[in-house]
Amino acid sequence: MSALEWTLQGVLLLLLLAALPFALRLERGLAALRQDRAALADGASGFETATREAQAALAGLRSALETQARQTATAESLREDLRFMLDRGEALADRLELLVRQGRPALGGAAAAAAPVAEEAAAPRSQAERDLLRALRMAR
């Protein structure tokens, strides 16, 4: 072998010696990745489980929302019915009040005072009837 070949082989040997620490470091890194592969697989399966649970929770929320929407629609229709009944009740109350006011002058002063007392003595009244009579007396 010539001197040039010996020199080239020496340079190659030096380069191989210089690459040896990098190869060892790379081997350690690959070993750590192999060990972390199991942890990565566990993390992926945990993520998959969490995703399934979240999808189930979303399905439950969606069904609850649909139920709530149906109940809200029913409540809206009931509210409209109650509003209609309230308006009708107020109209009837106004009409009744007008009829009562129109009927008062027809009764005499003494007869008007004696008639409610005679009615009260004739039959026992419930608390609601007594409250209604008291309210009507106060309206006079």
N, C-alpha and C. Protein backbone atom coordinates (compact mmCIF):
# COMPACT_ATOMS: atom_id res chain seq x y z
N MET A 1 0.83 -1.16 0.00
CA MET A 1 0.00 0.00 0.00
C MET A 1 0.88 1.23 0.00
N SER A 2 0.39 2.16 -0.66
CA SER A 2 1.16 3.38 -0.78
C SER A 2 0.81 4.30 0.37
N ALA A 3 1.55 5.34 0.47
CA ALA A 3 1.35 6.30 1.56
C ALA A 3 0.00 6.99 1.42
N LEU A 4 -0.40 7.21 0.21
CA LEU A 4 -1.70 7.87 0.00
C LEU A 4 -2.83 6.97 0.50
N GLU A 5 -2.74 5.69 0.25
CA GLU A 5 -3.78 4.79 0.72
C GLU A 5 -3.79 4.74 2.24
N TRP A 6 -2.59 4.71 2.84
CA TRP A 6 -2.52 4.71 4.30
C TRP A 6 -3.12 6.00 4.85
N THR A 7 -2.89 7.09 4.23
CA THR A 7 -3.42 8.38 4.69
C THR A 7 -4.95 8.37 4.57
N LEU A 8 -5.44 7.90 3.45
CA LEU A 8 -6.89 7.87 3.26
C LEU A 8 -7.55 6.92 4.27
N GLN A 9 -6.94 5.80 4.53
CA GLN A 9 -7.51 4.87 5.50
C GLN A 9 -7.44 5.46 6.91
N GLY A 10 -6.42 6.22 7.22
CA GLY A 10 -6.32 6.88 8.52
C GLY A 10 -7.40 7.94 8.68
N VAL A 11 -7.62 8.71 7.62
CA VAL A 11 -8.67 9.73 7.66
C VAL A 11 -10.03 9.05 7.83
N LEU A 12 -10.24 7.94 7.11
CA LEU A 12 -11.49 7.21 7.23
C LEU A 12 -11.67 6.67 8.65
N LEU A 13 -10.58 6.18 9.25
CA LEU A 13 -10.64 5.70 10.62
C LEU A 13 -10.98 6.83 11.59
N LEU A 14 -10.41 7.99 11.40
CA LEU A 14 -10.71 9.15 12.25
C LEU A 14 -12.18 9.57 12.10
N LEU A 15 -12.66 9.54 10.89
CA LEU A 15 -14.07 9.91 10.66
C LEU A 15 -15.00 8.88 11.31
N LEU A 16 -14.64 7.61 11.22
CA LEU A 16 -15.46 6.59 11.87
C LEU A 16 -15.44 6.75 13.38
N LEU A 17 -14.27 7.07 13.94
CA LEU A 17 -14.18 7.31 15.38
C LEU A 17 -15.00 8.54 15.79
N ALA A 18 -15.03 9.55 14.94
CA ALA A 18 -15.80 10.75 15.23
C ALA A 18 -17.31 10.46 15.14
N ALA A 19 -17.71 9.55 14.25
CA ALA A 19 -19.14 9.23 14.08
C ALA A 19 -19.63 8.28 15.16
N LEU A 20 -18.73 7.59 15.84
CA LEU A 20 -19.11 6.61 16.86
C LEU A 20 -19.95 7.22 17.99
N PRO A 21 -19.60 8.37 18.60
CA PRO A 21 -20.46 8.95 19.65
C PRO A 21 -21.86 9.32 19.13
N PHE A 22 -21.90 9.81 17.89
CA PHE A 22 -23.21 10.16 17.32
C PHE A 22 -24.07 8.91 17.13
N ALA A 23 -23.46 7.81 16.73
CA ALA A 23 -24.19 6.56 16.55
C ALA A 23 -24.69 6.04 17.89
N LEU A 24 -23.85 6.16 18.94
CA LEU A 24 -24.29 5.73 20.28
C LEU A 24 -25.46 6.59 20.77
N ARG A 25 -25.37 7.88 20.56
CA ARG A 25 -26.45 8.78 20.98
C ARG A 25 -27.74 8.46 20.21
N LEU A 26 -27.62 8.18 18.92
CA LEU A 26 -28.78 7.81 18.11
C LEU A 26 -29.39 6.50 18.61
N GLU A 27 -28.56 5.54 18.97
CA GLU A 27 -29.05 4.26 19.49
C GLU A 27 -29.83 4.46 20.78
N ARG A 28 -29.32 5.31 21.68
CA ARG A 28 -30.03 5.60 22.93
C ARG A 28 -31.38 6.27 22.65
N GLY A 29 -31.40 7.19 21.73
CA GLY A 29 -32.65 7.86 21.37
C GLY A 29 -33.67 6.89 20.81
N LEU A 30 -33.22 5.98 19.95
CA LEU A 30 -34.13 4.98 19.38
C LEU A 30 -34.65 4.03 20.46
N ALA A 31 -33.80 3.68 21.43
CA ALA A 31 -34.24 2.81 22.53
C ALA A 31 -35.31 3.52 23.36
N ALA A 32 -35.10 4.82 23.60
CA ALA A 32 -36.10 5.59 24.36
C ALA A 32 -37.42 5.66 23.59
N LEU A 33 -37.34 5.82 22.28
CA LEU A 33 -38.57 5.85 21.48
C LEU A 33 -39.29 4.50 21.52
N ARG A 34 -38.53 3.42 21.52
CA ARG A 34 -39.16 2.10 21.61
C ARG A 34 -39.88 1.94 22.95
N GLN A 35 -39.26 2.44 24.02
CA GLN A 35 -39.90 2.35 25.33
C GLN A 35 -41.13 3.25 25.39
N ASP A 36 -41.05 4.41 24.77
CA ASP A 36 -42.17 5.35 24.79
C ASP A 36 -43.30 4.92 23.86
N ARG A 37 -43.02 3.96 22.98
CA ARG A 37 -44.05 3.51 22.05
C ARG A 37 -45.24 2.92 22.82
N ALA A 38 -44.97 2.19 23.89
CA ALA A 38 -46.04 1.61 24.71
C ALA A 38 -46.85 2.72 25.38
N ALA A 39 -46.13 3.74 25.89
CA ALA A 39 -46.83 4.86 26.51
C ALA A 39 -47.66 5.62 25.47
N LEU A 40 -47.13 5.74 24.27
CA LEU A 40 -47.86 6.41 23.20
C LEU A 40 -49.11 5.61 22.83
N ALA A 41 -48.99 4.29 22.78
CA ALA A 41 -50.16 3.45 22.48
C ALA A 41 -51.20 3.57 23.58
N ASP A 42 -50.75 3.61 24.85
CA ASP A 42 -51.70 3.80 25.96
C ASP A 42 -52.39 5.15 25.86
N GLY A 43 -51.62 6.17 25.52
CA GLY A 43 -52.20 7.51 25.37
C GLY A 43 -53.21 7.55 24.24
N ALA A 44 -52.91 6.88 23.14
CA ALA A 44 -53.84 6.85 22.01
C ALA A 44 -55.12 6.11 22.37
N SER A 45 -54.99 4.99 23.10
CA SER A 45 -56.21 4.27 23.50
C SER A 45 -57.02 5.08 24.51
N GLY A 46 -56.34 5.80 25.40
CA GLY A 46 -57.05 6.68 26.33
C GLY A 46 -57.76 7.80 25.60
N PHE A 47 -57.12 8.34 24.58
CA PHE A 47 -57.74 9.39 23.78
C PHE A 47 -58.96 8.85 23.04
N GLU A 48 -58.85 7.62 22.53
CA GLU A 48 -59.97 7.00 21.84
C GLU A 48 -61.15 6.79 22.79
N THR A 49 -60.87 6.35 24.00
CA THR A 49 -61.92 6.14 25.00
C THR A 49 -62.59 7.47 25.35
N ALA A 50 -61.77 8.49 25.54
CA ALA A 50 -62.33 9.81 25.87
C ALA A 50 -63.18 10.34 24.72
N THR A 51 -62.76 10.08 23.49
CA THR A 51 -63.54 10.51 22.33
C THR A 51 -64.89 9.81 22.28
N ARG A 52 -64.88 8.49 22.55
CA ARG A 52 -66.15 7.75 22.56
C ARG A 52 -67.09 8.28 23.64
N GLU A 53 -66.54 8.54 24.83
CA GLU A 53 -67.37 9.06 25.92
C GLU A 53 -67.92 10.44 25.58
N ALA A 54 -67.10 11.27 24.94
CA ALA A 54 -67.57 12.60 24.55
C ALA A 54 -68.68 12.49 23.51
N GLN A 55 -68.56 11.56 22.57
CA GLN A 55 -69.61 11.38 21.58
C GLN A 55 -70.90 10.90 22.23
N ALA A 56 -70.79 10.01 23.20
CA ALA A 56 -71.99 9.54 23.91
C ALA A 56 -72.63 10.69 24.69
N ALA A 57 -71.79 11.53 25.31
CA ALA A 57 -72.33 12.67 26.05
C ALA A 57 -73.02 13.65 25.11
N LEU A 58 -72.43 13.86 23.93
CA LEU A 58 -73.06 14.75 22.95
C LEU A 58 -74.39 14.20 22.47
N ALA A 59 -74.46 12.89 22.29
CA ALA A 59 -75.74 12.29 21.88
C ALA A 59 -76.79 12.49 22.97
N GLY A 60 -76.38 12.32 24.23
CA GLY A 60 -77.31 12.56 25.34
C GLY A 60 -77.76 14.00 25.39
N LEU A 61 -76.83 14.92 25.19
CA LEU A 61 -77.19 16.35 25.20
C LEU A 61 -78.12 16.68 24.03
N ARG A 62 -77.86 16.06 22.89
CA ARG A 62 -78.71 16.32 21.72
C ARG A 62 -80.14 15.85 21.99
N SER A 63 -80.28 14.66 22.58
CA SER A 63 -81.63 14.16 22.87
C SER A 63 -82.31 15.02 23.94
N ALA A 64 -81.54 15.46 24.93
CA ALA A 64 -82.11 16.34 25.96
C ALA A 64 -82.55 17.66 25.34
N LEU A 65 -81.77 18.17 24.40
CA LEU A 65 -82.13 19.43 23.74
C LEU A 65 -83.40 19.26 22.91
N GLU A 66 -83.53 18.13 22.22
CA GLU A 66 -84.74 17.89 21.44
C GLU A 66 -85.96 17.78 22.36
N THR A 67 -85.80 17.10 23.49
CA THR A 67 -86.90 16.98 24.45
C THR A 67 -87.28 18.36 24.98
N GLN A 68 -86.27 19.15 25.30
CA GLN A 68 -86.51 20.50 25.82
C GLN A 68 -87.20 21.36 24.77
N ALA A 69 -86.83 21.20 23.51
CA ALA A 69 -87.46 21.97 22.44
C ALA A 69 -88.94 21.60 22.32
N ARG A 70 -89.23 20.30 22.42
CA ARG A 70 -90.64 19.88 22.35
C ARG A 70 -91.43 20.44 23.53
N GLN A 71 -90.83 20.39 24.73
CA GLN A 71 -91.52 20.91 25.91
C GLN A 71 -91.72 22.42 25.79
N THR A 72 -90.75 23.11 25.22
CA THR A 72 -90.88 24.55 25.04
C THR A 72 -92.00 24.87 24.06
N ALA A 73 -92.10 24.09 22.99
CA ALA A 73 -93.18 24.31 22.02
C ALA A 73 -94.53 24.07 22.67
N THR A 74 -94.63 23.03 23.48
CA THR A 74 -95.88 22.75 24.20
C THR A 74 -96.20 23.88 25.17
N ALA A 75 -95.18 24.36 25.87
CA ALA A 75 -95.38 25.45 26.82
C ALA A 75 -95.83 26.73 26.11
N GLU A 76 -95.28 26.97 24.92
CA GLU A 76 -95.69 28.15 24.15
C GLU A 76 -97.17 28.08 23.79
N SER A 77 -97.61 26.90 23.34
CA SER A 77 -99.03 26.78 22.98
C SER A 77 -99.91 26.92 24.22
N LEU A 78 -99.46 26.35 25.34
CA LEU A 78 -100.23 26.50 26.58
C LEU A 78 -100.27 27.96 27.03
N ARG A 79 -99.14 28.65 26.85
CA ARG A 79 -99.11 30.06 27.23
C ARG A 79 -100.11 30.86 26.40
N GLU A 80 -100.17 30.55 25.09
CA GLU A 80 -101.13 31.24 24.24
C GLU A 80 -102.57 30.92 24.66
N ASP A 81 -102.82 29.67 25.00
CA ASP A 81 -104.16 29.29 25.47
C ASP A 81 -104.51 30.03 26.76
N LEU A 82 -103.56 30.07 27.68
CA LEU A 82 -103.80 30.76 28.95
C LEU A 82 -104.01 32.26 28.73
N ARG A 83 -103.24 32.84 27.82
CA ARG A 83 -103.41 34.26 27.52
C ARG A 83 -104.80 34.52 26.96
N PHE A 84 -105.27 33.63 26.07
CA PHE A 84 -106.61 33.76 25.52
C PHE A 84 -107.66 33.65 26.62
N MET A 85 -107.50 32.64 27.49
CA MET A 85 -108.46 32.45 28.59
C MET A 85 -108.44 33.64 29.54
N LEU A 86 -107.28 34.18 29.80
CA LEU A 86 -107.17 35.34 30.68
C LEU A 86 -107.89 36.54 30.08
N ASP A 87 -107.69 36.76 28.78
CA ASP A 87 -108.39 37.86 28.12
C ASP A 87 -109.90 37.66 28.17
N ARG A 88 -110.33 36.43 27.93
CA ARG A 88 -111.76 36.15 28.00
C ARG A 88 -112.28 36.35 29.42
N GLY A 89 -111.52 35.90 30.41
CA GLY A 89 -111.93 36.07 31.81
C GLY A 89 -112.01 37.54 32.19
N GLU A 90 -111.04 38.33 31.73
CA GLU A 90 -111.09 39.76 32.02
C GLU A 90 -112.29 40.41 31.36
N ALA A 91 -112.58 40.01 30.13
CA ALA A 91 -113.74 40.57 29.44
C ALA A 91 -115.03 40.20 30.17
N LEU A 92 -115.12 38.94 30.63
CA LEU A 92 -116.31 38.53 31.38
C LEU A 92 -116.40 39.26 32.71
N ALA A 93 -115.27 39.47 33.37
CA ALA A 93 -115.28 40.20 34.64
C ALA A 93 -115.73 41.64 34.42
N ASP A 94 -115.23 42.27 33.35
CA ASP A 94 -115.66 43.63 33.05
C ASP A 94 -117.16 43.68 32.75
N ARG A 95 -117.62 42.70 32.00
CA ARG A 95 -119.05 42.65 31.67
C ARG A 95 -119.89 42.44 32.93
N LEU A 96 -119.43 41.54 33.82
CA LEU A 96 -120.13 41.28 35.07
C LEU A 96 -120.15 42.53 35.94
N GLU A 97 -119.02 43.21 36.00
CA GLU A 97 -118.97 44.45 36.80
C GLU A 97 -119.94 45.49 36.24
N LEU A 98 -120.00 45.60 34.92
CA LEU A 98 -120.92 46.55 34.30
C LEU A 98 -122.37 46.18 34.63
N LEU A 99 -122.69 44.88 34.56
CA LEU A 99 -124.05 44.46 34.89
C LEU A 99 -124.38 44.71 36.35
N VAL A 100 -123.41 44.50 37.24
CA VAL A 100 -123.64 44.75 38.67
C VAL A 100 -123.88 46.24 38.89
N ARG A 101 -123.09 47.07 38.24
CA ARG A 101 -123.27 48.52 38.42
C ARG A 101 -124.60 48.99 37.84
N GLN A 102 -125.01 48.39 36.75
CA GLN A 102 -126.30 48.77 36.17
C GLN A 102 -127.45 48.28 37.04
N GLY A 103 -127.29 47.17 37.75
CA GLY A 103 -128.36 46.62 38.57
C GLY A 103 -128.49 47.30 39.91
N ARG A 104 -127.47 47.98 40.39
CA ARG A 104 -127.52 48.63 41.71
C ARG A 104 -128.55 49.74 41.80
N PRO A 105 -128.62 50.63 40.85
CA PRO A 105 -129.61 51.70 41.00
C PRO A 105 -131.04 51.18 41.02
N ALA A 106 -131.31 50.03 40.44
CA ALA A 106 -132.67 49.50 40.43
C ALA A 106 -133.10 49.09 41.83
N LEU A 107 -132.18 48.65 42.67
CA LEU A 107 -132.52 48.28 44.04
C LEU A 107 -132.62 49.56 44.88
N GLY A 108 -133.47 49.54 45.86
CA GLY A 108 -133.58 50.69 46.76
C GLY A 108 -132.40 50.71 47.70
N GLY A 109 -132.17 51.83 48.36
CA GLY A 109 -131.05 51.96 49.28
C GLY A 109 -131.15 50.97 50.42
N ALA A 110 -132.32 50.85 51.08
CA ALA A 110 -132.46 49.94 52.22
C ALA A 110 -132.53 48.50 51.73
N ALA A 111 -133.18 48.28 50.63
CA ALA A 111 -133.30 46.92 50.12
C ALA A 111 -131.94 46.40 49.67
N ALA A 112 -131.12 47.27 49.11
CA ALA A 112 -129.78 46.87 48.66
C ALA A 112 -128.92 46.48 49.84
N ALA A 113 -129.07 47.18 50.95
CA ALA A 113 -128.27 46.87 52.13
C ALA A 113 -128.78 45.60 52.80
N ALA A 114 -130.10 45.36 52.80
CA ALA A 114 -130.66 44.20 53.49
C ALA A 114 -130.49 42.91 52.67
N ALA A 115 -130.47 43.00 51.36
CA ALA A 115 -130.40 41.80 50.52
C ALA A 115 -129.11 41.02 50.74
N PRO A 116 -127.94 41.64 50.75
CA PRO A 116 -126.72 40.84 50.97
C PRO A 116 -126.69 40.22 52.36
N VAL A 117 -127.21 40.90 53.36
CA VAL A 117 -127.20 40.35 54.71
C VAL A 117 -128.11 39.13 54.76
N ALA A 118 -129.26 39.20 54.10
CA ALA A 118 -130.18 38.07 54.09
C ALA A 118 -129.56 36.89 53.35
N GLU A 119 -128.83 37.15 52.27
CA GLU A 119 -128.18 36.07 51.52
C GLU A 119 -127.10 35.42 52.36
N GLU A 120 -126.33 36.21 53.09
CA GLU A 120 -125.25 35.67 53.91
C GLU A 120 -125.81 34.79 55.02
N ALA A 121 -126.92 35.19 55.60
CA ALA A 121 -127.49 34.42 56.70
C ALA A 121 -128.16 33.14 56.18
N ALA A 122 -128.57 33.12 54.92
CA ALA A 122 -129.31 31.99 54.39
C ALA A 122 -128.45 30.74 54.23
N ALA A 123 -127.20 30.88 53.79
CA ALA A 123 -126.37 29.69 53.56
C ALA A 123 -124.94 29.97 54.01
N PRO A 124 -124.26 28.97 54.56
CA PRO A 124 -122.86 29.17 54.95
C PRO A 124 -121.99 29.34 53.70
N ARG A 125 -121.00 30.19 53.79
CA ARG A 125 -120.14 30.50 52.64
C ARG A 125 -118.75 29.90 52.83
N SER A 126 -118.13 29.57 51.73
CA SER A 126 -116.74 29.12 51.80
C SER A 126 -115.85 30.35 51.90
N GLN A 127 -114.60 30.11 52.19
CA GLN A 127 -113.66 31.24 52.33
C GLN A 127 -113.55 32.00 51.01
N ALA A 128 -113.55 31.30 49.90
CA ALA A 128 -113.44 31.95 48.59
C ALA A 128 -114.66 32.84 48.34
N GLU A 129 -115.84 32.34 48.70
CA GLU A 129 -117.04 33.15 48.50
C GLU A 129 -117.02 34.37 49.40
N ARG A 130 -116.57 34.19 50.64
CA ARG A 130 -116.49 35.35 51.54
C ARG A 130 -115.51 36.39 51.01
N ASP A 131 -114.37 35.92 50.48
CA ASP A 131 -113.39 36.86 49.91
C ASP A 131 -113.97 37.60 48.72
N LEU A 132 -114.70 36.89 47.87
CA LEU A 132 -115.31 37.51 46.71
C LEU A 132 -116.35 38.54 47.13
N LEU A 133 -117.18 38.20 48.11
CA LEU A 133 -118.19 39.15 48.59
C LEU A 133 -117.53 40.37 49.21
N ARG A 134 -116.47 40.16 49.96
CA ARG A 134 -115.76 41.28 50.58
C ARG A 134 -115.18 42.20 49.50
N ALA A 135 -114.64 41.61 48.42
CA ALA A 135 -114.08 42.41 47.33
C ALA A 135 -115.17 43.19 46.62
N LEU A 136 -116.33 42.56 46.43
CA LEU A 136 -117.44 43.26 45.78
C LEU A 136 -117.96 44.41 46.64
N ARG A 137 -118.00 44.20 47.96
CA ARG A 137 -118.44 45.28 48.85
C ARG A 137 -117.47 46.45 48.82
N MET A 138 -116.19 46.12 48.74
CA MET A 138 -115.18 47.19 48.72
C MET A 138 -115.25 47.97 47.42
N ALA A 139 -115.73 47.33 46.33
CA ALA A 139 -115.82 48.00 45.04
C ALA A 139 -116.97 49.01 45.00
N ARG A 140 -117.93 48.89 45.92
CA ARG A 140 -119.07 49.81 45.93
C ARG A 140 -118.61 51.14 46.26
